[in-house]
N, C-alpha and C. Protein backbone atom coordinates (compact mmCIF):
# COMPACT_ATOMS: atom_id res chain seq x y z
N MET A 1 121.35 127.21 57.80
CA MET A 1 122.15 128.39 57.53
C MET A 1 122.52 129.12 58.81
N GLY A 2 121.85 128.83 59.88
CA GLY A 2 122.13 129.55 61.08
C GLY A 2 122.99 128.81 62.07
N GLU A 3 123.61 127.69 61.71
CA GLU A 3 124.40 126.92 62.64
C GLU A 3 125.77 126.60 62.04
N GLN A 4 126.74 126.34 62.90
CA GLN A 4 128.05 125.96 62.41
C GLN A 4 127.97 124.58 61.79
N GLU A 5 128.74 124.37 60.76
CA GLU A 5 128.69 123.11 60.05
C GLU A 5 129.07 121.94 60.94
N THR A 6 129.92 122.17 61.96
CA THR A 6 130.32 121.10 62.86
C THR A 6 129.15 120.61 63.70
N GLN A 7 128.05 121.36 63.76
CA GLN A 7 126.89 120.97 64.53
C GLN A 7 125.92 120.13 63.71
N ALA A 8 126.28 119.77 62.50
CA ALA A 8 125.45 118.91 61.65
C ALA A 8 124.05 119.49 61.49
N ASN A 9 123.98 120.80 61.20
CA ASN A 9 122.67 121.39 60.97
C ASN A 9 122.07 120.86 59.68
N ARG A 10 120.77 121.00 59.57
CA ARG A 10 120.07 120.43 58.41
C ARG A 10 120.47 121.10 57.11
N TRP A 11 120.78 122.41 57.16
CA TRP A 11 121.22 123.10 55.95
C TRP A 11 122.53 122.51 55.43
N ALA A 12 123.49 122.33 56.33
CA ALA A 12 124.78 121.77 55.92
C ALA A 12 124.61 120.34 55.40
N ALA A 13 123.71 119.59 56.02
CA ALA A 13 123.47 118.23 55.55
C ALA A 13 122.91 118.22 54.13
N LEU A 14 122.12 119.23 53.80
CA LEU A 14 121.54 119.31 52.46
C LEU A 14 122.53 119.80 51.41
N THR A 15 123.39 120.73 51.79
CA THR A 15 124.21 121.44 50.82
C THR A 15 125.70 121.16 50.90
N GLY A 16 126.14 120.61 52.02
CA GLY A 16 127.57 120.42 52.21
C GLY A 16 128.30 121.72 52.52
N GLY A 17 127.55 122.80 52.74
CA GLY A 17 128.16 124.08 53.08
C GLY A 17 128.92 124.72 51.93
N GLU A 18 128.56 124.38 50.69
CA GLU A 18 129.29 124.88 49.53
C GLU A 18 128.37 125.43 48.45
N GLN A 19 127.22 125.92 48.84
CA GLN A 19 126.22 126.33 47.85
C GLN A 19 126.03 127.84 47.77
N GLY A 20 126.90 128.61 48.40
CA GLY A 20 126.71 130.05 48.44
C GLY A 20 126.53 130.69 47.08
N ALA A 21 127.46 130.42 46.16
CA ALA A 21 127.41 131.05 44.84
C ALA A 21 126.16 130.61 44.08
N ARG A 22 125.83 129.34 44.15
CA ARG A 22 124.65 128.84 43.43
C ARG A 22 123.36 129.43 44.01
N TYR A 23 123.29 129.51 45.33
CA TYR A 23 122.12 130.07 46.00
C TYR A 23 121.91 131.53 45.61
N ALA A 24 122.99 132.31 45.64
CA ALA A 24 122.91 133.72 45.28
C ALA A 24 122.54 133.89 43.82
N ALA A 25 123.08 133.05 42.95
CA ALA A 25 122.80 133.15 41.52
C ALA A 25 121.33 132.87 41.23
N ARG A 26 120.72 132.00 42.01
CA ARG A 26 119.30 131.70 41.80
C ARG A 26 118.45 132.94 42.03
N PHE A 27 118.75 133.69 43.06
CA PHE A 27 117.98 134.90 43.32
C PHE A 27 118.32 136.01 42.33
N ASP A 28 119.56 136.03 41.86
CA ASP A 28 119.92 136.99 40.82
C ASP A 28 119.08 136.74 39.56
N ALA A 29 118.91 135.48 39.22
CA ALA A 29 118.13 135.15 38.03
C ALA A 29 116.66 135.53 38.22
N LEU A 30 116.15 135.31 39.42
CA LEU A 30 114.76 135.70 39.69
C LEU A 30 114.59 137.22 39.55
N ALA A 31 115.55 137.96 40.10
CA ALA A 31 115.48 139.43 40.02
C ALA A 31 115.54 139.89 38.58
N GLU A 32 116.41 139.28 37.78
CA GLU A 32 116.55 139.66 36.38
C GLU A 32 115.28 139.35 35.59
N SER A 33 114.52 138.36 36.06
CA SER A 33 113.28 138.00 35.37
C SER A 33 112.13 138.94 35.74
N GLY A 34 112.38 139.83 36.68
CA GLY A 34 111.35 140.77 37.10
C GLY A 34 110.66 140.40 38.39
N ALA A 35 111.04 139.28 38.99
CA ALA A 35 110.41 138.87 40.25
C ALA A 35 110.86 139.76 41.39
N ASP A 36 109.97 139.97 42.36
CA ASP A 36 110.31 140.73 43.55
C ASP A 36 111.01 139.79 44.53
N VAL A 37 112.29 140.03 44.76
CA VAL A 37 113.07 139.18 45.66
C VAL A 37 113.32 139.87 47.00
N HIS A 38 112.60 140.95 47.26
CA HIS A 38 112.84 141.72 48.48
C HIS A 38 111.61 141.78 49.38
N GLY A 39 110.75 140.78 49.27
CA GLY A 39 109.55 140.78 50.08
C GLY A 39 109.84 140.79 51.56
N GLU A 40 110.83 140.00 51.99
CA GLU A 40 111.16 139.94 53.42
C GLU A 40 111.64 141.30 53.93
N ALA A 41 112.53 141.93 53.16
CA ALA A 41 113.06 143.22 53.58
C ALA A 41 111.97 144.28 53.64
N HIS A 42 111.08 144.28 52.68
CA HIS A 42 110.02 145.28 52.67
C HIS A 42 109.02 145.05 53.80
N PHE A 43 108.76 143.80 54.13
CA PHE A 43 107.92 143.49 55.29
C PHE A 43 108.56 144.06 56.55
N CYS A 44 109.85 143.82 56.72
CA CYS A 44 110.56 144.32 57.90
C CYS A 44 110.60 145.84 57.93
N GLU A 45 110.81 146.45 56.78
CA GLU A 45 110.88 147.90 56.69
C GLU A 45 109.62 148.55 57.24
N GLU A 46 108.47 147.93 57.02
CA GLU A 46 107.21 148.48 57.51
C GLU A 46 107.14 148.49 59.04
N LEU A 47 107.94 147.67 59.68
CA LEU A 47 107.92 147.56 61.14
C LEU A 47 109.01 148.39 61.81
N LEU A 48 109.89 148.97 61.04
CA LEU A 48 111.07 149.64 61.57
C LEU A 48 110.94 151.16 61.52
N SER A 49 111.58 151.81 62.48
CA SER A 49 111.75 153.26 62.42
C SER A 49 112.96 153.54 61.54
N PRO A 50 113.04 154.75 60.98
CA PRO A 50 114.21 155.08 60.14
C PRO A 50 115.52 154.90 60.91
N GLY A 51 116.50 154.36 60.21
CA GLY A 51 117.82 154.21 60.80
C GLY A 51 117.92 153.18 61.90
N SER A 52 117.14 152.13 61.83
CA SER A 52 117.16 151.09 62.86
C SER A 52 118.37 150.18 62.72
N ARG A 53 118.65 149.45 63.80
CA ARG A 53 119.70 148.43 63.78
C ARG A 53 119.04 147.07 63.62
N VAL A 54 119.50 146.30 62.64
CA VAL A 54 118.88 145.02 62.31
C VAL A 54 119.92 143.92 62.30
N LEU A 55 119.60 142.82 62.96
CA LEU A 55 120.42 141.62 62.94
C LEU A 55 119.78 140.62 61.99
N ASP A 56 120.48 140.26 60.93
CA ASP A 56 119.99 139.24 60.00
C ASP A 56 120.56 137.91 60.45
N ALA A 57 119.74 137.13 61.13
CA ALA A 57 120.16 135.88 61.75
C ALA A 57 119.98 134.73 60.77
N GLY A 58 121.09 134.19 60.30
CA GLY A 58 121.03 133.23 59.21
C GLY A 58 120.93 133.98 57.90
N CYS A 59 121.86 134.90 57.69
CA CYS A 59 121.76 135.89 56.60
C CYS A 59 121.99 135.31 55.22
N GLY A 60 122.57 134.12 55.13
CA GLY A 60 122.86 133.57 53.82
C GLY A 60 123.79 134.48 53.03
N ALA A 61 123.45 134.72 51.78
CA ALA A 61 124.27 135.56 50.91
C ALA A 61 123.99 137.05 51.08
N GLY A 62 123.17 137.40 52.07
CA GLY A 62 123.00 138.80 52.44
C GLY A 62 121.87 139.54 51.78
N ARG A 63 121.01 138.84 51.07
CA ARG A 63 119.97 139.52 50.28
C ARG A 63 119.10 140.44 51.14
N VAL A 64 118.63 139.97 52.28
CA VAL A 64 117.73 140.77 53.12
C VAL A 64 118.47 141.92 53.77
N ALA A 65 119.62 141.63 54.36
CA ALA A 65 120.38 142.67 55.05
C ALA A 65 120.84 143.76 54.09
N ILE A 66 121.27 143.39 52.91
CA ILE A 66 121.75 144.38 51.95
C ILE A 66 120.61 145.31 51.53
N ARG A 67 119.43 144.75 51.30
CA ARG A 67 118.30 145.58 50.91
C ARG A 67 117.90 146.52 52.05
N LEU A 68 117.89 146.03 53.28
CA LEU A 68 117.54 146.89 54.42
C LEU A 68 118.59 147.99 54.61
N ALA A 69 119.84 147.67 54.34
CA ALA A 69 120.88 148.70 54.41
C ALA A 69 120.65 149.76 53.34
N GLU A 70 120.23 149.34 52.15
CA GLU A 70 119.92 150.29 51.09
C GLU A 70 118.76 151.21 51.49
N LEU A 71 117.90 150.71 52.36
CA LEU A 71 116.76 151.50 52.82
C LEU A 71 117.12 152.36 54.04
N GLY A 72 118.37 152.34 54.45
CA GLY A 72 118.83 153.25 55.48
C GLY A 72 119.06 152.68 56.85
N HIS A 73 118.99 151.37 56.98
CA HIS A 73 119.19 150.74 58.28
C HIS A 73 120.62 150.22 58.42
N THR A 74 121.07 150.06 59.63
CA THR A 74 122.38 149.49 59.91
C THR A 74 122.20 148.01 60.18
N CYS A 75 122.83 147.17 59.39
CA CYS A 75 122.57 145.74 59.46
C CYS A 75 123.85 144.95 59.73
N VAL A 76 123.69 143.91 60.51
CA VAL A 76 124.75 142.94 60.77
C VAL A 76 124.22 141.57 60.36
N GLY A 77 124.98 140.85 59.55
CA GLY A 77 124.57 139.52 59.11
C GLY A 77 125.39 138.44 59.79
N ILE A 78 124.71 137.39 60.22
CA ILE A 78 125.37 136.25 60.87
C ILE A 78 124.94 134.97 60.18
N ASP A 79 125.89 134.13 59.88
CA ASP A 79 125.59 132.83 59.31
C ASP A 79 126.75 131.89 59.63
N ALA A 80 126.48 130.59 59.58
CA ALA A 80 127.54 129.62 59.82
C ALA A 80 128.14 129.08 58.54
N ASP A 81 127.48 129.32 57.41
CA ASP A 81 127.92 128.78 56.12
C ASP A 81 128.94 129.74 55.50
N ALA A 82 130.18 129.34 55.47
CA ALA A 82 131.25 130.21 54.97
C ALA A 82 131.04 130.57 53.50
N SER A 83 130.49 129.65 52.72
CA SER A 83 130.30 129.93 51.29
C SER A 83 129.24 131.02 51.10
N MET A 84 128.24 131.04 51.96
CA MET A 84 127.23 132.10 51.91
C MET A 84 127.85 133.45 52.27
N LEU A 85 128.65 133.46 53.31
CA LEU A 85 129.26 134.72 53.74
C LEU A 85 130.26 135.24 52.71
N THR A 86 130.89 134.35 51.98
CA THR A 86 131.77 134.80 50.90
C THR A 86 130.98 135.63 49.89
N GLU A 87 129.79 135.16 49.55
CA GLU A 87 128.94 135.91 48.63
C GLU A 87 128.49 137.23 49.23
N ALA A 88 128.08 137.20 50.50
CA ALA A 88 127.62 138.42 51.15
C ALA A 88 128.73 139.47 51.19
N ARG A 89 129.94 139.05 51.52
CA ARG A 89 131.07 139.99 51.59
C ARG A 89 131.44 140.51 50.21
N ARG A 90 131.27 139.70 49.19
CA ARG A 90 131.57 140.13 47.83
C ARG A 90 130.58 141.20 47.38
N ARG A 91 129.33 141.04 47.77
CA ARG A 91 128.29 141.95 47.34
C ARG A 91 128.24 143.24 48.16
N ALA A 92 128.61 143.15 49.43
CA ALA A 92 128.56 144.33 50.30
C ALA A 92 129.75 144.30 51.25
N PRO A 93 130.94 144.60 50.74
CA PRO A 93 132.15 144.44 51.55
C PRO A 93 132.24 145.39 52.75
N ARG A 94 131.49 146.45 52.73
CA ARG A 94 131.56 147.41 53.84
C ARG A 94 130.60 147.07 54.98
N MET A 95 129.74 146.12 54.78
CA MET A 95 128.83 145.70 55.83
C MET A 95 129.50 144.67 56.73
N THR A 96 128.90 144.45 57.89
CA THR A 96 129.46 143.51 58.87
C THR A 96 128.83 142.14 58.69
N TRP A 97 129.68 141.16 58.39
CA TRP A 97 129.25 139.77 58.20
C TRP A 97 130.05 138.89 59.16
N LEU A 98 129.37 138.11 59.98
CA LEU A 98 130.02 137.31 61.00
C LEU A 98 129.67 135.85 60.83
N GLN A 99 130.67 135.00 60.95
CA GLN A 99 130.42 133.56 60.92
C GLN A 99 130.25 133.07 62.35
N ALA A 100 129.09 132.55 62.65
CA ALA A 100 128.80 132.15 64.02
C ALA A 100 127.60 131.22 64.05
N ASP A 101 127.50 130.50 65.13
CA ASP A 101 126.38 129.61 65.44
C ASP A 101 125.33 130.43 66.19
N LEU A 102 124.13 130.45 65.70
CA LEU A 102 123.09 131.23 66.37
C LEU A 102 122.83 130.74 67.79
N ALA A 103 123.12 129.49 68.06
CA ALA A 103 122.92 128.96 69.39
C ALA A 103 124.02 129.38 70.36
N ASP A 104 125.05 130.01 69.84
CA ASP A 104 126.17 130.45 70.68
C ASP A 104 126.54 131.88 70.35
N ILE A 105 125.53 132.69 70.11
CA ILE A 105 125.73 134.05 69.62
C ILE A 105 126.34 134.96 70.68
N GLU A 106 126.19 134.60 71.95
CA GLU A 106 126.75 135.43 73.01
C GLU A 106 128.26 135.55 72.90
N GLY A 107 128.88 134.55 72.28
CA GLY A 107 130.33 134.58 72.14
C GLY A 107 130.83 135.70 71.25
N LEU A 108 129.94 136.36 70.51
CA LEU A 108 130.34 137.46 69.64
C LEU A 108 130.51 138.76 70.41
N GLY A 109 129.98 138.82 71.62
CA GLY A 109 130.15 140.00 72.46
C GLY A 109 129.41 141.24 71.98
N MET A 110 128.32 141.07 71.25
CA MET A 110 127.57 142.23 70.75
C MET A 110 126.63 142.76 71.83
N ALA A 111 126.39 144.07 71.79
CA ALA A 111 125.49 144.71 72.74
C ALA A 111 124.03 144.41 72.36
N PRO A 112 123.15 144.33 73.35
CA PRO A 112 121.72 144.07 73.07
C PRO A 112 121.00 145.35 72.67
N ASP A 113 121.34 145.86 71.49
CA ASP A 113 120.79 147.13 71.04
C ASP A 113 120.17 147.07 69.66
N PHE A 114 119.78 145.88 69.23
CA PHE A 114 119.15 145.75 67.91
C PHE A 114 117.65 146.02 68.02
N ASP A 115 117.14 146.72 67.03
CA ASP A 115 115.71 146.98 66.96
C ASP A 115 114.94 145.80 66.39
N MET A 116 115.63 144.98 65.63
CA MET A 116 114.99 143.81 65.03
C MET A 116 116.03 142.74 64.75
N ALA A 117 115.62 141.50 64.92
CA ALA A 117 116.36 140.35 64.39
C ALA A 117 115.41 139.65 63.43
N VAL A 118 115.90 139.33 62.25
CA VAL A 118 115.07 138.68 61.25
C VAL A 118 115.73 137.37 60.85
N ALA A 119 114.91 136.32 60.77
CA ALA A 119 115.36 135.00 60.33
C ALA A 119 114.48 134.58 59.17
N ALA A 120 114.92 134.88 57.97
CA ALA A 120 114.17 134.53 56.77
C ALA A 120 114.79 133.29 56.13
N GLY A 121 114.15 132.78 55.08
CA GLY A 121 114.76 131.70 54.33
C GLY A 121 114.80 130.36 55.04
N ASN A 122 113.78 130.05 55.85
CA ASN A 122 113.70 128.75 56.52
C ASN A 122 114.87 128.51 57.47
N VAL A 123 115.37 129.56 58.08
CA VAL A 123 116.48 129.41 59.03
C VAL A 123 116.10 128.46 60.16
N VAL A 124 114.95 128.66 60.78
CA VAL A 124 114.60 127.91 62.00
C VAL A 124 114.50 126.41 61.75
N PRO A 125 113.78 125.94 60.73
CA PRO A 125 113.70 124.49 60.54
C PRO A 125 114.99 123.85 60.01
N LEU A 126 115.96 124.66 59.58
CA LEU A 126 117.20 124.10 59.08
C LEU A 126 118.34 124.15 60.11
N LEU A 127 118.00 124.49 61.35
CA LEU A 127 118.98 124.46 62.43
C LEU A 127 119.34 123.02 62.79
N ALA A 128 120.40 122.87 63.54
CA ALA A 128 120.76 121.54 64.04
C ALA A 128 119.70 121.07 65.02
N PRO A 129 119.27 119.82 64.91
CA PRO A 129 118.26 119.31 65.84
C PRO A 129 118.68 119.48 67.29
N GLY A 130 117.77 120.00 68.09
CA GLY A 130 118.03 120.19 69.50
C GLY A 130 118.60 121.55 69.87
N THR A 131 119.09 122.31 68.87
CA THR A 131 119.67 123.62 69.16
C THR A 131 118.67 124.76 68.98
N GLU A 132 117.48 124.44 68.53
CA GLU A 132 116.53 125.49 68.17
C GLU A 132 116.22 126.46 69.33
N PRO A 133 115.95 125.97 70.56
CA PRO A 133 115.65 126.93 71.63
C PRO A 133 116.79 127.93 71.86
N ALA A 134 118.02 127.46 71.86
CA ALA A 134 119.16 128.35 72.06
C ALA A 134 119.35 129.29 70.88
N ALA A 135 119.05 128.80 69.67
CA ALA A 135 119.22 129.63 68.47
C ALA A 135 118.15 130.70 68.36
N VAL A 136 117.02 130.52 69.02
CA VAL A 136 116.02 131.58 69.12
C VAL A 136 116.39 132.53 70.25
N ALA A 137 116.84 131.98 71.36
CA ALA A 137 117.17 132.80 72.52
C ALA A 137 118.36 133.71 72.25
N GLY A 138 119.32 133.26 71.43
CA GLY A 138 120.51 134.06 71.16
C GLY A 138 120.18 135.40 70.51
N PRO A 139 119.53 135.40 69.35
CA PRO A 139 119.14 136.68 68.74
C PRO A 139 118.19 137.48 69.62
N ALA A 140 117.27 136.79 70.32
CA ALA A 140 116.33 137.51 71.18
C ALA A 140 117.07 138.31 72.25
N ALA A 141 118.17 137.75 72.77
CA ALA A 141 118.92 138.42 73.81
C ALA A 141 119.63 139.67 73.32
N LEU A 142 119.78 139.80 72.00
CA LEU A 142 120.45 140.97 71.44
C LEU A 142 119.47 142.08 71.07
N LEU A 143 118.19 141.86 71.31
CA LEU A 143 117.20 142.89 71.04
C LEU A 143 117.12 143.87 72.22
N ARG A 144 116.93 145.13 71.90
CA ARG A 144 116.62 146.10 72.95
C ARG A 144 115.20 145.82 73.44
N PRO A 145 114.82 146.33 74.62
CA PRO A 145 113.42 146.18 75.05
C PRO A 145 112.48 146.75 74.00
N GLY A 146 111.50 145.97 73.62
CA GLY A 146 110.58 146.38 72.56
C GLY A 146 111.03 145.98 71.18
N GLY A 147 112.24 145.45 71.04
CA GLY A 147 112.72 145.00 69.75
C GLY A 147 111.96 143.79 69.24
N LEU A 148 112.00 143.59 67.93
CA LEU A 148 111.19 142.57 67.28
C LEU A 148 112.04 141.42 66.74
N LEU A 149 111.52 140.21 66.89
CA LEU A 149 112.06 139.04 66.20
C LEU A 149 111.06 138.64 65.12
N VAL A 150 111.51 138.60 63.88
CA VAL A 150 110.66 138.24 62.74
C VAL A 150 111.24 136.99 62.09
N ALA A 151 110.42 135.97 61.96
CA ALA A 151 110.89 134.72 61.37
C ALA A 151 109.83 134.15 60.44
N GLY A 152 110.25 133.74 59.25
CA GLY A 152 109.36 133.08 58.32
C GLY A 152 109.90 131.72 57.95
N PHE A 153 109.06 130.70 58.03
CA PHE A 153 109.55 129.36 57.68
C PHE A 153 108.39 128.43 57.34
N GLY A 154 108.75 127.37 56.62
CA GLY A 154 107.77 126.40 56.18
C GLY A 154 107.35 125.46 57.29
N LEU A 155 106.11 124.98 57.15
CA LEU A 155 105.53 124.08 58.15
C LEU A 155 105.13 122.73 57.56
N ASP A 156 105.47 122.52 56.30
CA ASP A 156 105.21 121.23 55.67
C ASP A 156 106.22 121.01 54.56
N ALA A 157 106.23 119.81 54.02
CA ALA A 157 107.22 119.45 53.01
C ALA A 157 107.12 120.29 51.75
N ALA A 158 105.94 120.79 51.46
CA ALA A 158 105.76 121.60 50.25
C ALA A 158 106.47 122.94 50.36
N HIS A 159 106.79 123.37 51.57
CA HIS A 159 107.43 124.67 51.77
C HIS A 159 108.82 124.54 52.37
N LEU A 160 109.38 123.34 52.31
CA LEU A 160 110.70 123.08 52.88
C LEU A 160 111.50 122.16 51.97
N PRO A 161 112.83 122.25 52.03
CA PRO A 161 113.66 121.28 51.30
C PRO A 161 113.89 120.02 52.14
N LEU A 162 112.86 119.60 52.86
CA LEU A 162 112.92 118.46 53.77
C LEU A 162 111.68 117.59 53.56
N PRO A 163 111.77 116.30 53.87
CA PRO A 163 110.61 115.43 53.68
C PRO A 163 109.46 115.72 54.63
N GLU A 164 109.74 116.35 55.76
CA GLU A 164 108.71 116.73 56.71
C GLU A 164 109.20 117.90 57.55
N ALA A 165 108.28 118.60 58.17
CA ALA A 165 108.64 119.78 58.95
C ALA A 165 109.12 119.36 60.34
N PRO A 166 110.32 119.81 60.73
CA PRO A 166 110.83 119.46 62.06
C PRO A 166 110.37 120.41 63.15
N VAL A 167 109.73 121.52 62.77
CA VAL A 167 109.35 122.57 63.72
C VAL A 167 107.89 122.95 63.49
N SER A 168 107.13 123.04 64.57
CA SER A 168 105.75 123.52 64.49
C SER A 168 105.67 124.94 65.04
N LEU A 169 104.55 125.60 64.78
CA LEU A 169 104.37 126.93 65.34
C LEU A 169 104.28 126.88 66.86
N ALA A 170 103.70 125.81 67.39
CA ALA A 170 103.65 125.67 68.86
C ALA A 170 105.05 125.57 69.44
N ASP A 171 105.92 124.81 68.77
CA ASP A 171 107.32 124.72 69.21
C ASP A 171 107.96 126.11 69.21
N TYR A 172 107.81 126.81 68.10
CA TYR A 172 108.47 128.10 67.95
C TYR A 172 107.96 129.10 68.97
N ASP A 173 106.65 129.14 69.16
CA ASP A 173 106.09 130.07 70.14
C ASP A 173 106.60 129.77 71.55
N ALA A 174 106.76 128.50 71.86
CA ALA A 174 107.27 128.13 73.19
C ALA A 174 108.72 128.60 73.36
N TRP A 175 109.54 128.44 72.31
CA TRP A 175 110.93 128.89 72.40
C TRP A 175 110.98 130.41 72.55
N CYS A 176 110.10 131.10 71.82
CA CYS A 176 110.06 132.56 71.94
C CYS A 176 109.65 132.98 73.35
N ALA A 177 108.65 132.33 73.91
CA ALA A 177 108.20 132.65 75.26
C ALA A 177 109.33 132.44 76.27
N ASP A 178 110.05 131.33 76.12
CA ASP A 178 111.16 131.05 77.02
C ASP A 178 112.26 132.10 76.89
N ALA A 179 112.36 132.73 75.71
CA ALA A 179 113.38 133.76 75.47
C ALA A 179 112.90 135.15 75.86
N GLY A 180 111.71 135.25 76.46
CA GLY A 180 111.20 136.54 76.90
C GLY A 180 110.50 137.34 75.83
N LEU A 181 109.99 136.67 74.81
CA LEU A 181 109.30 137.34 73.71
C LEU A 181 107.80 137.09 73.79
N VAL A 182 107.04 138.08 73.37
CA VAL A 182 105.58 137.95 73.34
C VAL A 182 105.11 138.07 71.89
N PRO A 183 104.06 137.34 71.51
CA PRO A 183 103.59 137.39 70.12
C PRO A 183 102.96 138.74 69.77
N VAL A 184 103.22 139.18 68.55
CA VAL A 184 102.65 140.42 68.04
C VAL A 184 101.67 140.13 66.90
N SER A 185 102.12 139.37 65.89
CA SER A 185 101.26 139.07 64.75
C SER A 185 101.81 137.85 64.02
N ARG A 186 100.95 137.27 63.20
CA ARG A 186 101.36 136.13 62.38
C ARG A 186 100.73 136.27 61.00
N HIS A 187 101.52 135.97 59.98
CA HIS A 187 101.11 136.20 58.60
C HIS A 187 101.37 134.96 57.76
N ALA A 188 100.64 134.85 56.68
CA ALA A 188 100.77 133.70 55.79
C ALA A 188 101.86 133.91 54.75
N THR A 189 102.22 135.17 54.50
CA THR A 189 103.22 135.50 53.49
C THR A 189 103.99 136.73 53.96
N TRP A 190 105.10 137.01 53.26
CA TRP A 190 105.86 138.23 53.53
C TRP A 190 105.14 139.46 52.98
N ASP A 191 104.04 139.27 52.28
CA ASP A 191 103.21 140.39 51.85
C ASP A 191 102.32 140.88 52.99
N GLY A 192 102.26 140.13 54.09
CA GLY A 192 101.51 140.54 55.25
C GLY A 192 100.12 139.98 55.36
N ASP A 193 99.76 139.01 54.49
CA ASP A 193 98.44 138.39 54.58
C ASP A 193 98.27 137.71 55.95
N ASP A 194 97.07 137.79 56.51
CA ASP A 194 96.81 137.16 57.79
C ASP A 194 96.99 135.65 57.69
N TYR A 195 97.53 135.07 58.75
CA TYR A 195 97.71 133.62 58.78
C TYR A 195 96.44 132.97 59.31
N THR A 196 95.86 132.09 58.52
CA THR A 196 94.66 131.36 58.93
C THR A 196 94.88 129.86 58.86
N GLY A 197 96.14 129.45 58.82
CA GLY A 197 96.49 128.05 58.65
C GLY A 197 97.24 127.88 57.34
N GLY A 198 97.93 126.77 57.20
CA GLY A 198 98.66 126.52 55.97
C GLY A 198 100.11 126.19 56.24
N GLY A 199 100.85 126.02 55.15
CA GLY A 199 102.18 125.47 55.24
C GLY A 199 103.31 126.45 55.39
N TYR A 200 103.02 127.75 55.53
CA TYR A 200 104.08 128.75 55.71
C TYR A 200 103.55 129.85 56.62
N ALA A 201 104.42 130.33 57.50
CA ALA A 201 104.02 131.40 58.42
C ALA A 201 105.17 132.35 58.66
N VAL A 202 104.84 133.62 58.78
CA VAL A 202 105.77 134.66 59.20
C VAL A 202 105.30 135.15 60.56
N SER A 203 106.16 135.00 61.55
CA SER A 203 105.79 135.33 62.93
C SER A 203 106.56 136.54 63.42
N VAL A 204 105.86 137.43 64.11
CA VAL A 204 106.48 138.61 64.70
C VAL A 204 106.31 138.53 66.21
N HIS A 205 107.42 138.58 66.93
CA HIS A 205 107.41 138.59 68.39
C HIS A 205 108.18 139.80 68.88
N ARG A 206 107.83 140.26 70.08
CA ARG A 206 108.45 141.45 70.65
C ARG A 206 109.12 141.10 71.99
N ARG A 207 110.30 141.69 72.19
CA ARG A 207 110.96 141.52 73.49
C ARG A 207 110.22 142.33 74.54
N ALA A 208 109.79 141.65 75.58
CA ALA A 208 108.96 142.31 76.61
C ALA A 208 109.80 143.33 77.37
């Protein structure tokens, strides 16, 4: 979800870049059933000051960014999947939604003044192979000093729509370090449980 379809990212390979409406409808159904579909946004909200600027990197249909905007933050969503952005724009037409490759985010000309960049929904393991370091460095470069990068993704097949995990926590931490980020905390869920191992992790890093 965070790469242009021409880069043959894993998300596009799985979906053909035409699953926006179906993806959004799945979460609508979960919400109607009473499920909490805003765990990522509420996790981020706990880390933010009122009225923060948030970059939703790999925003999909906008679920996280829209909820954070409802909570009073200014959000910008970026994704490479046009069908996802169609849904995001339909749901929140006044918000800023940009189609872009996270590995080439500098081309958007945005100022490095975001308080947080969040990559939820398995964005990192679904990037195009080989572009992951640049796709981490791009959002990191848009953070103000002290800004946070928050990413949650699966580490095994049980937590991914893939036969095996293409990204390890060691890989991710190395890319963050190369991008000038230092680790803050790691959790097993978006509820904030401590990470002690397992197939899913939410990582928080800070721009030094």
